[in-house]
Amino acid sequence: MADSLFDLGLPDDEDRVKFIAPIPASARSSAPLAVRMRPQNVDEVLGQAHLLNPGSPLRVLAGADHAGPAGPASVILYGPPGTGKTTLAHVIARAPGRKFVELSAITAGVKDVRAVMDQALLDRDMYGTTTVLFLDEIHRFTKAQQDALLPGVENRWVILVAATTENPSFSVISPLLSRSLLLRVHSLEPADIESLINRALEDPRGFNGAAVIDEDARAHLAAVSGGDARRSLTSLEAAVAIAFSENEQAESPDENAEAGGEVNPSEPVRITLAHAQEAVDRAAVRYDKDGDQHYDVISAFIKSIRGSDADAAVHYLARMLEGGEDPRFVARRIMIAASEDIGLADPQALQVATAAAQSVALVGMPEARIILSQAVIYCALAPKSNAAYVAINKAIADVRSGLSGQVPVHLRDAHYAAAADLGHGDGYIYAHDEPGHVAAQQYMPDTLRGKVYYEPTPHGFERTLTERRERIREILDRANGAGA
């Protein structure tokens, strides 16, 4: 049920709070279903059982449990849209002795934040009222705005309930994080969505039994919601409207229907799969190009290629493309994987990845999806080796630690006039003049003589390289051992 907030002014008693008034029944039907079905208490909240265990901070904040000598803690709710962050804030606001204040990062400035803090301190000391400050999209607050919150949160002038869809580790200042509990809100499971749909059909706040839904239609709405409760209820409302428009009974609603004037025919209207598909035929894609989903999905994508699971890799590719990710970014990641995870086990993988990147840039979407899929499947099924990746990391580590050493004199540049006087190039053996085109001479600096960086694996083409490398090392080891 939607809520309207109003301040009763300054009464003489100590119950000066901002009450939550129910929306009149006549206005309920005009409110969106997702608003009408907003949970009234923690027991109605679906899908967040991990946050609502007995004695949990959220239950204490909502007044469902007692904290004993411990006081309520400020919380930052972090998760995707439609998972109940705002709902939890409204549930918390219903606890007795609470005053609910909401600020928007878009419209509120530092002055507004400080005004709330000053009023909260006054209300606490004079009226014994606890102010719950709800900040939606706290990641949009500037550093100055967040700094202004610190005194009130630290001294518990307010209980902060902040919501964000972005990782607070990157968008919320450290002092505020350290003074709050970070709670991860998860997407709802299909079973939770189906329970929510059933509740909306039966509850007086929803359709009050005026409609029923086929099992396959309910499953479809749950599947395409993407774990978003708000989206599922919006889709259900659209499906019900379609069903009623096709039913003659919708033209003659029961005048005695209660709970907001919803249509309540003698026989409930049946919502079929066709109605659900007409209402929404495309699943919501949980993907934020600038947020966690960007990093999480690309991480799973790369690890699926590395793990040789072509099906999983194509799945994550599809999620990125459907989420609006730049296909050129995906192509670059495939090129990196072709060297980092495949390397010389299949040298052709880098050629395939590079050709795909060039083709994507020329062709563009939607056809680029085919090219990317081909490159992803090839790389996922290719033999794997990270030997080249490990080799350069070892070499860089030695260089950074000061183990560079002097370039051997016979390898130094001898193409300028004074080079001969310095002995540059003396004793250098031209490899192409030697049997097998391998010259038995020292190449490493003296400080790194005998150091091995590249160690080929026995997989794919590197099996051949292993045999050749052993023969080469026998020749070079003789030279290194002789101190040439």
Protein backbone atom coordinates (compact mmCIF):
# COMPACT_ATOMS: atom_id res chain seq x y z
CA MET A 1 0.00 0.00 0.00
CA ALA A 2 1.33 3.39 -0.91
CA ASP A 3 1.97 5.89 1.83
CA SER A 4 1.55 9.63 2.16
CA LEU A 5 3.57 11.41 4.80
CA PHE A 6 2.43 14.47 6.68
CA ASP A 7 3.75 16.31 9.70
CA LEU A 8 1.28 16.96 12.49
CA GLY A 9 3.15 20.06 13.63
CA LEU A 10 4.20 20.52 17.26
CA PRO A 11 1.72 18.86 19.64
CA ASP A 12 2.17 19.13 23.37
CA ASP A 13 2.76 15.43 23.94
CA GLU A 14 5.97 13.57 23.28
CA ASP A 15 4.63 11.73 20.25
CA ARG A 16 5.60 14.38 17.78
CA VAL A 17 6.40 12.12 14.81
CA LYS A 18 5.80 12.07 11.13
CA PHE A 19 2.94 9.61 10.76
CA ILE A 20 2.22 7.37 7.79
CA ALA A 21 -1.34 7.83 6.62
CA PRO A 22 -3.08 5.20 4.52
CA ILE A 23 -4.10 6.24 1.06
CA PRO A 24 -7.90 6.52 0.79
CA ALA A 25 -9.60 3.52 -0.81
CA SER A 26 -10.89 5.68 -3.62
CA ALA A 27 -7.35 6.53 -4.63
CA ARG A 28 -5.84 3.05 -4.35
CA SER A 29 -6.86 1.82 -7.78
CA SER A 30 -5.03 4.72 -9.43
CA ALA A 31 -1.78 3.91 -7.65
CA PRO A 32 0.54 1.46 -9.41
CA LEU A 33 0.20 -2.14 -8.26
CA ALA A 34 3.83 -2.16 -7.11
CA VAL A 35 3.05 0.75 -4.78
CA ARG A 36 -0.19 -0.74 -3.46
CA MET A 37 1.55 -4.05 -2.71
CA ARG A 38 4.48 -2.53 -0.84
CA PRO A 39 5.02 -4.65 2.33
CA GLN A 40 3.68 -3.23 5.58
CA ASN A 41 6.09 -5.11 7.86
CA VAL A 42 9.24 -7.22 7.69
CA ASP A 43 7.26 -10.46 7.58
CA GLU A 44 5.82 -9.47 4.19
CA VAL A 45 9.24 -8.81 2.65
CA LEU A 46 10.19 -11.52 0.15
CA GLY A 47 13.58 -12.67 -1.03
CA GLN A 48 15.82 -11.14 1.63
CA ALA A 49 15.74 -13.82 4.32
CA HIS A 50 19.50 -13.46 4.84
CA LEU A 51 18.90 -9.91 6.13
CA LEU A 52 15.84 -10.64 8.24
CA ASN A 53 16.98 -13.33 10.64
CA PRO A 54 15.87 -12.90 14.29
CA GLY A 55 17.80 -10.08 15.89
CA SER A 56 19.17 -8.82 12.56
CA PRO A 57 19.85 -5.07 12.23
CA LEU A 58 16.94 -4.60 9.85
CA ARG A 59 14.44 -6.31 12.15
CA VAL A 60 15.67 -4.16 15.02
CA LEU A 61 15.34 -1.02 12.90
CA ALA A 62 11.82 -2.05 11.88
CA GLY A 63 10.84 -2.58 15.51
CA ALA A 64 10.19 -6.29 15.00
CA ASP A 65 12.96 -7.33 17.41
CA HIS A 66 14.68 -5.74 20.38
CA ALA A 67 18.39 -4.98 20.40
CA GLY A 68 18.76 -5.15 24.17
CA PRO A 69 21.44 -2.74 25.36
CA ALA A 70 22.64 -2.22 21.77
CA GLY A 71 21.12 0.59 19.77
CA PRO A 72 19.95 0.49 16.14
CA ALA A 73 22.68 0.87 13.55
CA SER A 74 22.71 2.90 10.35
CA VAL A 75 22.68 0.75 7.23
CA ILE A 76 23.58 1.04 3.58
CA LEU A 77 21.45 -1.21 1.37
CA TYR A 78 23.28 -2.23 -1.78
CA GLY A 79 21.70 -4.15 -4.64
CA PRO A 80 20.01 -4.00 -8.06
CA PRO A 81 16.74 -2.15 -8.71
CA GLY A 82 13.46 -3.71 -7.67
CA THR A 83 14.87 -5.78 -4.83
CA GLY A 84 13.21 -3.99 -1.94
CA LYS A 85 15.64 -1.29 -0.78
CA THR A 86 13.03 1.47 -0.71
CA THR A 87 10.46 -0.98 0.67
CA LEU A 88 12.73 -1.83 3.59
CA ALA A 89 13.13 1.88 4.32
CA HIS A 90 9.34 2.34 4.46
CA VAL A 91 8.97 -0.71 6.70
CA ILE A 92 11.58 0.73 9.06
CA ALA A 93 9.73 4.06 9.06
CA ARG A 94 6.64 2.36 10.49
CA ALA A 95 8.38 1.48 13.76
CA PRO A 96 6.92 3.40 16.75
CA GLY A 97 8.62 6.58 17.87
CA ARG A 98 10.19 7.17 14.49
CA LYS A 99 10.22 10.22 12.29
CA PHE A 100 10.83 9.44 8.63
CA VAL A 101 12.73 11.93 6.48
CA GLU A 102 13.72 11.31 2.88
CA LEU A 103 16.33 13.23 0.93
CA SER A 104 17.12 12.98 -2.75
CA ALA A 105 20.69 13.19 -3.98
CA ILE A 106 19.42 15.04 -7.03
CA THR A 107 17.74 17.92 -5.19
CA ALA A 108 19.29 18.05 -1.70
CA GLY A 109 22.39 20.07 -0.95
CA VAL A 110 24.75 20.27 2.04
CA LYS A 111 22.49 22.90 3.58
CA ASP A 112 19.52 20.50 3.45
CA VAL A 113 21.54 17.70 5.04
CA ARG A 114 22.66 19.94 7.90
CA ALA A 115 19.10 21.17 8.44
CA VAL A 116 17.92 17.58 8.83
CA MET A 117 20.72 16.88 11.32
CA ASP A 118 19.90 19.95 13.40
CA GLN A 119 16.19 19.08 13.49
CA ALA A 120 16.96 15.42 14.30
CA LEU A 121 19.08 16.47 17.30
CA LEU A 122 16.30 18.76 18.51
CA ASP A 123 13.65 16.04 18.11
CA ARG A 124 15.79 13.51 19.96
CA ASP A 125 16.56 15.76 22.92
CA MET A 126 13.17 17.47 23.26
CA TYR A 127 10.67 14.85 22.15
CA GLY A 128 12.56 11.53 22.40
CA THR A 129 11.91 10.88 18.71
CA THR A 130 14.37 8.99 16.53
CA THR A 131 14.77 10.30 12.99
CA VAL A 132 15.19 7.75 10.22
CA LEU A 133 16.90 9.47 7.30
CA PHE A 134 16.39 7.65 4.01
CA LEU A 135 18.79 8.52 1.21
CA ASP A 136 18.02 6.94 -2.13
CA GLU A 137 20.88 6.66 -4.61
CA ILE A 138 23.48 7.74 -2.09
CA HIS A 139 26.16 7.13 -4.72
CA ARG A 140 24.96 10.37 -6.32
CA PHE A 141 25.77 12.36 -3.18
CA THR A 142 28.92 14.44 -3.45
CA LYS A 143 31.78 14.01 -0.98
CA ALA A 144 30.71 17.25 0.73
CA GLN A 145 27.14 15.99 1.15
CA GLN A 146 28.37 12.71 2.58
CA ASP A 147 30.77 14.53 4.92
CA ALA A 148 27.79 16.49 6.26
CA LEU A 149 26.15 13.21 7.29
CA LEU A 150 29.03 12.08 9.50
CA PRO A 151 28.25 13.92 12.78
CA GLY A 152 24.62 12.84 12.79
CA VAL A 153 25.41 9.21 11.95
CA GLU A 154 28.33 8.96 14.39
CA ASN A 155 26.39 10.48 17.30
CA ARG A 156 23.17 8.73 16.30
CA TRP A 157 21.19 11.92 15.86
CA VAL A 158 19.74 10.06 12.88
CA ILE A 159 19.54 6.45 11.81
CA LEU A 160 20.73 6.47 8.24
CA VAL A 161 19.10 4.09 5.79
CA ALA A 162 20.84 4.61 2.47
CA ALA A 163 20.17 2.78 -0.78
CA THR A 164 22.41 2.38 -3.80
CA THR A 165 22.63 0.27 -6.92
CA GLU A 166 26.38 0.82 -7.19
CA ASN A 167 29.17 -0.69 -5.14
CA PRO A 168 29.48 1.55 -2.04
CA SER A 169 33.18 0.73 -1.83
CA PHE A 170 33.66 3.00 -4.83
CA SER A 171 30.91 5.57 -4.32
CA VAL A 172 30.60 6.12 -0.54
CA ILE A 173 33.33 7.78 1.52
CA SER A 174 35.26 5.51 3.89
CA PRO A 175 34.29 7.35 7.14
CA LEU A 176 30.61 6.87 6.34
CA LEU A 177 31.12 3.22 5.44
CA SER A 178 32.90 2.59 8.74
CA ARG A 179 29.96 4.08 10.68
CA SER A 180 27.30 2.02 8.88
CA LEU A 181 26.47 -1.61 8.21
CA LEU A 182 26.76 -2.59 4.55
CA LEU A 183 23.92 -4.98 3.67
CA ARG A 184 23.73 -6.65 0.25
CA VAL A 185 20.22 -6.97 -1.15
CA HIS A 186 19.84 -9.80 -3.66
CA SER A 187 17.67 -10.16 -6.73
CA LEU A 188 14.54 -12.15 -6.01
CA GLU A 189 14.42 -15.80 -7.01
CA PRO A 190 11.66 -16.94 -9.43
CA ALA A 191 9.86 -18.69 -6.54
CA ASP A 192 9.77 -15.40 -4.62
CA ILE A 193 8.41 -13.57 -7.67
CA GLU A 194 5.69 -16.19 -8.12
CA SER A 195 4.69 -15.83 -4.46
CA LEU A 196 4.53 -12.07 -4.93
CA ILE A 197 2.30 -12.47 -7.99
CA ASN A 198 -0.05 -14.77 -6.08
CA ARG A 199 -0.21 -12.28 -3.22
CA ALA A 200 -1.00 -9.40 -5.57
CA LEU A 201 -3.86 -11.34 -7.16
CA GLU A 202 -5.41 -12.34 -3.83
CA ASP A 203 -4.67 -9.39 -1.53
CA PRO A 204 -7.30 -6.63 -1.13
CA ARG A 205 -4.54 -4.13 -1.86
CA GLY A 206 -4.07 -5.81 -5.23
CA PHE A 207 -6.80 -7.43 -7.33
CA ASN A 208 -8.71 -8.97 -4.43
CA GLY A 209 -9.39 -12.25 -6.24
CA ALA A 210 -10.75 -10.58 -9.37
CA ALA A 211 -8.20 -12.44 -11.51
CA VAL A 212 -6.43 -15.78 -11.49
CA ILE A 213 -3.35 -16.76 -13.42
CA ASP A 214 -2.33 -19.93 -15.21
CA GLU A 215 0.79 -21.62 -13.94
CA ASP A 216 2.73 -21.15 -17.19
CA ALA A 217 1.75 -17.47 -17.31
CA ARG A 218 2.97 -16.95 -13.75
CA ALA A 219 6.22 -18.76 -14.53
CA HIS A 220 6.71 -16.57 -17.61
CA LEU A 221 6.26 -13.34 -15.66
CA ALA A 222 8.68 -14.59 -13.01
CA ALA A 223 11.26 -15.64 -15.60
CA VAL A 224 11.27 -12.35 -17.52
CA SER A 225 11.32 -10.14 -14.42
CA GLY A 226 15.05 -10.55 -13.92
CA GLY A 227 14.57 -10.82 -10.16
CA ASP A 228 12.94 -7.37 -10.07
CA ALA A 229 9.80 -7.33 -7.90
CA ARG A 230 8.65 -3.97 -9.25
CA ARG A 231 8.97 -5.13 -12.83
CA SER A 232 7.07 -8.34 -12.12
CA LEU A 233 4.13 -6.44 -10.59
CA THR A 234 4.12 -3.92 -13.42
CA SER A 235 4.03 -6.77 -15.93
CA LEU A 236 1.26 -8.50 -13.98
CA GLU A 237 -0.79 -5.33 -13.97
CA ALA A 238 -0.42 -5.06 -17.73
CA ALA A 239 -1.36 -8.72 -18.20
CA VAL A 240 -4.48 -8.28 -16.03
CA ALA A 241 -5.49 -5.23 -18.05
CA ILE A 242 -5.17 -7.23 -21.28
CA ALA A 243 -7.18 -10.09 -19.83
CA PHE A 244 -9.97 -7.76 -18.64
CA SER A 245 -10.09 -5.97 -21.99
CA GLU A 246 -10.80 -9.33 -23.64
CA ASN A 247 -13.46 -10.27 -21.13
CA GLU A 248 -16.96 -8.87 -21.35
CA GLN A 249 -17.27 -8.97 -17.57
CA ALA A 250 -14.73 -6.14 -17.33
CA GLU A 251 -17.43 -3.80 -18.57
CA SER A 252 -19.67 -4.49 -15.58
CA PRO A 253 -17.64 -4.50 -12.36
CA ASP A 254 -19.31 -5.39 -9.08
CA GLU A 255 -20.39 -2.13 -7.50
CA ASN A 256 -20.07 -3.70 -4.08
CA ALA A 257 -16.39 -4.51 -4.59
CA GLU A 258 -14.34 -3.24 -1.72
CA ALA A 259 -10.65 -2.41 -1.19
CA GLY A 260 -10.28 0.46 -3.56
CA GLY A 261 -12.90 -0.15 -6.21
CA GLU A 262 -10.97 -2.80 -8.13
CA VAL A 263 -12.91 -4.77 -10.71
CA ASN A 264 -14.33 -7.88 -9.00
CA PRO A 265 -16.59 -9.85 -11.36
CA SER A 266 -18.56 -12.85 -10.17
CA GLU A 267 -16.08 -15.10 -11.90
CA PRO A 268 -12.42 -14.12 -11.80
CA VAL A 269 -10.78 -13.37 -15.11
CA ARG A 270 -8.14 -15.90 -16.14
CA ILE A 271 -4.68 -14.63 -17.16
CA THR A 272 -3.19 -16.95 -19.75
CA LEU A 273 0.32 -17.35 -21.08
CA ALA A 274 -0.74 -15.36 -24.16
CA HIS A 275 -1.74 -12.43 -21.93
CA ALA A 276 1.56 -12.61 -20.05
CA GLN A 277 3.56 -12.79 -23.27
CA GLU A 278 1.70 -9.84 -24.73
CA ALA A 279 2.38 -7.84 -21.58
CA VAL A 280 6.10 -8.56 -21.65
CA ASP A 281 7.99 -10.74 -24.10
CA ARG A 282 11.55 -9.88 -23.25
CA ALA A 283 13.39 -10.61 -20.04
CA ALA A 284 14.95 -7.84 -18.00
CA VAL A 285 18.72 -7.92 -18.29
CA ARG A 286 20.60 -7.25 -15.07
CA TYR A 287 23.51 -5.32 -16.50
CA ASP A 288 24.97 -1.94 -15.68
CA LYS A 289 27.77 -0.85 -17.98
CA ASP A 290 29.21 1.40 -15.28
CA GLY A 291 28.55 -0.74 -12.22
CA ASP A 292 29.19 -4.09 -10.64
CA GLN A 293 27.47 -6.08 -13.37
CA HIS A 294 30.01 -4.77 -15.86
CA TYR A 295 32.88 -6.14 -13.80
CA ASP A 296 31.16 -9.30 -12.56
CA VAL A 297 29.93 -10.46 -15.95
CA ILE A 298 33.17 -9.73 -17.81
CA SER A 299 35.03 -11.56 -15.03
CA ALA A 300 32.78 -14.59 -15.43
CA PHE A 301 33.18 -14.33 -19.21
CA ILE A 302 36.98 -14.43 -19.09
CA LYS A 303 37.03 -17.19 -16.48
CA SER A 304 34.65 -19.27 -18.60
CA ILE A 305 36.98 -18.96 -21.61
CA ARG A 306 39.92 -19.85 -19.38
CA GLY A 307 37.99 -22.83 -18.02
CA SER A 308 37.16 -24.04 -21.57
CA ASP A 309 33.37 -23.79 -21.04
CA ALA A 310 32.24 -22.48 -24.41
CA ASP A 311 28.54 -22.52 -23.46
CA ALA A 312 29.05 -20.41 -20.34
CA ALA A 313 31.28 -18.01 -22.26
CA VAL A 314 28.62 -17.53 -24.96
CA HIS A 315 25.99 -17.00 -22.25
CA TYR A 316 27.97 -14.18 -20.65
CA LEU A 317 28.68 -12.75 -24.10
CA ALA A 318 24.93 -12.61 -24.73
CA ARG A 319 24.31 -10.91 -21.38
CA MET A 320 26.84 -8.22 -22.17
CA LEU A 321 25.54 -7.59 -25.67
CA GLU A 322 21.89 -7.53 -24.54
CA GLY A 323 22.87 -5.19 -21.72
CA GLY A 324 24.26 -2.69 -24.21
CA GLU A 325 27.97 -3.32 -23.67
CA ASP A 326 30.28 -1.94 -26.33
CA PRO A 327 31.17 -4.94 -28.57
CA ARG A 328 34.61 -3.44 -29.14
CA PHE A 329 35.29 -3.74 -25.40
CA VAL A 330 34.30 -7.41 -25.53
CA ALA A 331 36.55 -7.95 -28.55
CA ARG A 332 39.52 -6.42 -26.72
CA ARG A 333 38.96 -8.75 -23.77
CA ILE A 334 38.93 -11.75 -26.12
CA MET A 335 42.28 -10.61 -27.58
CA ILE A 336 43.76 -10.41 -24.09
CA ALA A 337 42.46 -13.87 -23.22
CA ALA A 338 43.94 -15.24 -26.42
CA SER A 339 47.41 -14.32 -25.16
CA GLU A 340 47.00 -14.55 -21.40
CA ASP A 341 45.17 -17.87 -21.20
CA ILE A 342 45.87 -19.59 -24.54
CA GLY A 343 49.16 -18.13 -25.62
CA LEU A 344 51.49 -20.42 -27.54
CA ALA A 345 49.40 -23.50 -26.87
CA ASP A 346 47.47 -22.24 -29.93
CA PRO A 347 49.15 -19.21 -31.55
CA GLN A 348 46.26 -18.97 -34.00
CA ALA A 349 43.88 -17.92 -31.19
CA LEU A 350 45.35 -14.41 -31.12
CA GLN A 351 44.96 -14.17 -34.89
CA VAL A 352 41.31 -15.23 -34.60
CA ALA A 353 40.69 -12.74 -31.79
CA THR A 354 42.43 -9.90 -33.64
CA ALA A 355 40.51 -10.63 -36.83
CA ALA A 356 37.28 -10.66 -34.81
CA ALA A 357 38.09 -7.28 -33.23
CA GLN A 358 38.79 -5.75 -36.63
CA SER A 359 35.64 -7.26 -38.10
CA VAL A 360 33.48 -6.02 -35.22
CA ALA A 361 34.77 -2.49 -35.75
CA LEU A 362 33.91 -2.69 -39.45
CA VAL A 363 30.57 -4.50 -39.22
CA GLY A 364 29.01 -3.31 -35.96
CA MET A 365 25.94 -4.69 -34.21
CA PRO A 366 23.83 -6.74 -34.54
CA GLU A 367 25.89 -8.85 -36.96
CA ALA A 368 29.00 -8.41 -34.80
CA ARG A 369 27.44 -10.82 -32.31
CA ILE A 370 28.09 -13.69 -34.75
CA ILE A 371 31.75 -12.78 -35.14
CA LEU A 372 32.23 -12.46 -31.40
CA SER A 373 30.52 -15.78 -30.81
CA GLN A 374 32.86 -17.51 -33.26
CA ALA A 375 35.94 -16.03 -31.60
CA VAL A 376 34.67 -16.85 -28.10
CA ILE A 377 33.94 -20.48 -28.93
CA TYR A 378 37.33 -20.91 -30.65
CA CYS A 379 39.19 -19.46 -27.68
CA ALA A 380 37.17 -21.41 -25.12
CA LEU A 381 37.89 -24.73 -26.85
CA ALA A 382 41.55 -23.99 -27.64
CA PRO A 383 44.31 -25.65 -25.56
CA LYS A 384 45.35 -23.40 -22.70
CA SER A 385 48.70 -22.07 -21.54
CA ASN A 386 49.56 -19.02 -19.46
CA ALA A 387 53.31 -19.58 -19.89
CA ALA A 388 53.82 -16.38 -21.89
CA TYR A 389 51.85 -14.42 -19.29
CA VAL A 390 53.87 -15.90 -16.43
CA ALA A 391 57.14 -15.29 -18.29
CA ILE A 392 56.65 -11.55 -18.75
CA ASN A 393 55.45 -11.12 -15.16
CA LYS A 394 58.58 -12.86 -13.83
CA ALA A 395 60.82 -10.75 -16.06
CA ILE A 396 59.14 -7.51 -15.02
CA ALA A 397 59.44 -8.48 -11.36
CA ASP A 398 63.20 -8.97 -11.77
CA VAL A 399 63.57 -5.66 -13.59
CA ARG A 400 61.63 -3.83 -10.89
CA SER A 401 63.76 -5.41 -8.19
CA GLY A 402 66.95 -4.13 -9.82
CA LEU A 403 68.15 -7.37 -11.42
CA SER A 404 68.62 -5.87 -14.86
CA GLY A 405 72.41 -6.06 -15.09
CA GLN A 406 74.62 -4.82 -17.89
CA VAL A 407 73.98 -5.84 -21.48
CA PRO A 408 76.85 -8.19 -22.53
CA VAL A 409 79.46 -6.29 -24.54
CA HIS A 410 79.18 -8.52 -27.61
CA LEU A 411 75.43 -7.75 -27.84
CA ARG A 412 75.74 -3.96 -27.62
CA ASP A 413 75.11 -1.64 -30.54
CA ALA A 414 78.14 -1.39 -32.80
CA HIS A 415 76.71 0.93 -35.47
CA TYR A 416 78.34 4.20 -34.45
CA ALA A 417 81.94 5.39 -34.76
CA ALA A 418 83.06 5.12 -31.13
CA ALA A 419 81.45 1.71 -30.61
CA ALA A 420 84.48 -0.19 -31.90
CA ASP A 421 86.80 1.63 -29.47
CA LEU A 422 84.50 0.51 -26.65
CA GLY A 423 84.58 -3.09 -27.82
CA HIS A 424 80.90 -3.19 -28.64
CA GLY A 425 80.02 -6.19 -30.80
CA ASP A 426 83.38 -7.92 -30.32
CA GLY A 427 82.86 -11.66 -30.32
CA TYR A 428 79.25 -11.52 -31.47
CA ILE A 429 78.23 -14.63 -33.42
CA TYR A 430 75.68 -14.14 -36.19
CA ALA A 431 73.05 -16.82 -35.52
CA HIS A 432 72.19 -17.40 -39.17
CA ASP A 433 75.75 -18.53 -39.83
CA GLU A 434 75.49 -21.31 -37.25
CA PRO A 435 74.04 -24.82 -37.61
CA GLY A 436 70.31 -24.74 -36.84
CA HIS A 437 70.58 -20.94 -36.71
CA VAL A 438 71.34 -21.05 -33.00
CA ALA A 439 74.54 -19.34 -31.82
CA ALA A 440 76.24 -20.67 -28.69
CA GLN A 441 76.76 -17.39 -26.88
CA GLN A 442 75.56 -15.59 -23.78
CA TYR A 443 72.47 -13.40 -24.15
CA MET A 444 71.45 -12.71 -20.55
CA PRO A 445 73.24 -10.13 -18.38
CA ASP A 446 75.78 -11.70 -16.03
CA THR A 447 73.49 -11.14 -13.04
CA LEU A 448 70.75 -13.23 -14.65
CA ARG A 449 72.81 -15.90 -16.36
CA GLY A 450 70.84 -19.15 -16.50
CA LYS A 451 67.57 -17.47 -15.48
CA VAL A 452 64.46 -19.13 -16.94
CA TYR A 453 61.25 -17.16 -17.49
CA TYR A 454 59.36 -19.06 -20.17
CA GLU A 455 58.45 -22.60 -19.25
CA PRO A 456 56.21 -24.10 -21.95
CA THR A 457 53.42 -26.47 -21.04
CA PRO A 458 52.82 -29.86 -22.67
CA HIS A 459 49.56 -28.61 -24.19
CA GLY A 460 48.80 -27.88 -27.83
CA PHE A 461 51.53 -26.31 -29.94
CA GLU A 462 53.66 -25.75 -26.84
CA ARG A 463 54.40 -29.46 -26.82
CA THR A 464 56.42 -28.85 -30.00
CA LEU A 465 57.98 -25.74 -28.50
CA THR A 466 59.04 -27.72 -25.43
CA GLU A 467 61.09 -30.12 -27.55
CA ARG A 468 62.68 -27.32 -29.55
CA ARG A 469 63.39 -25.28 -26.43
CA GLU A 470 65.24 -28.17 -24.81
CA ARG A 471 67.56 -28.49 -27.81
CA ILE A 472 68.19 -24.72 -27.84
CA ARG A 473 68.87 -24.62 -24.11
CA GLU A 474 71.49 -27.34 -24.42
CA ILE A 475 73.38 -25.14 -26.88
CA LEU A 476 72.97 -21.96 -24.86
CA ASP A 477 73.83 -23.67 -21.58
CA ARG A 478 77.18 -24.71 -23.00
CA ALA A 479 77.93 -21.10 -23.84
CA ASN A 480 76.70 -19.82 -20.47
CA GLY A 481 78.68 -22.44 -18.65
CA ALA A 482 81.83 -21.44 -20.53
CA GLY A 483 81.24 -17.80 -19.60
CA ALA A 484 81.19 -16.67 -23.21
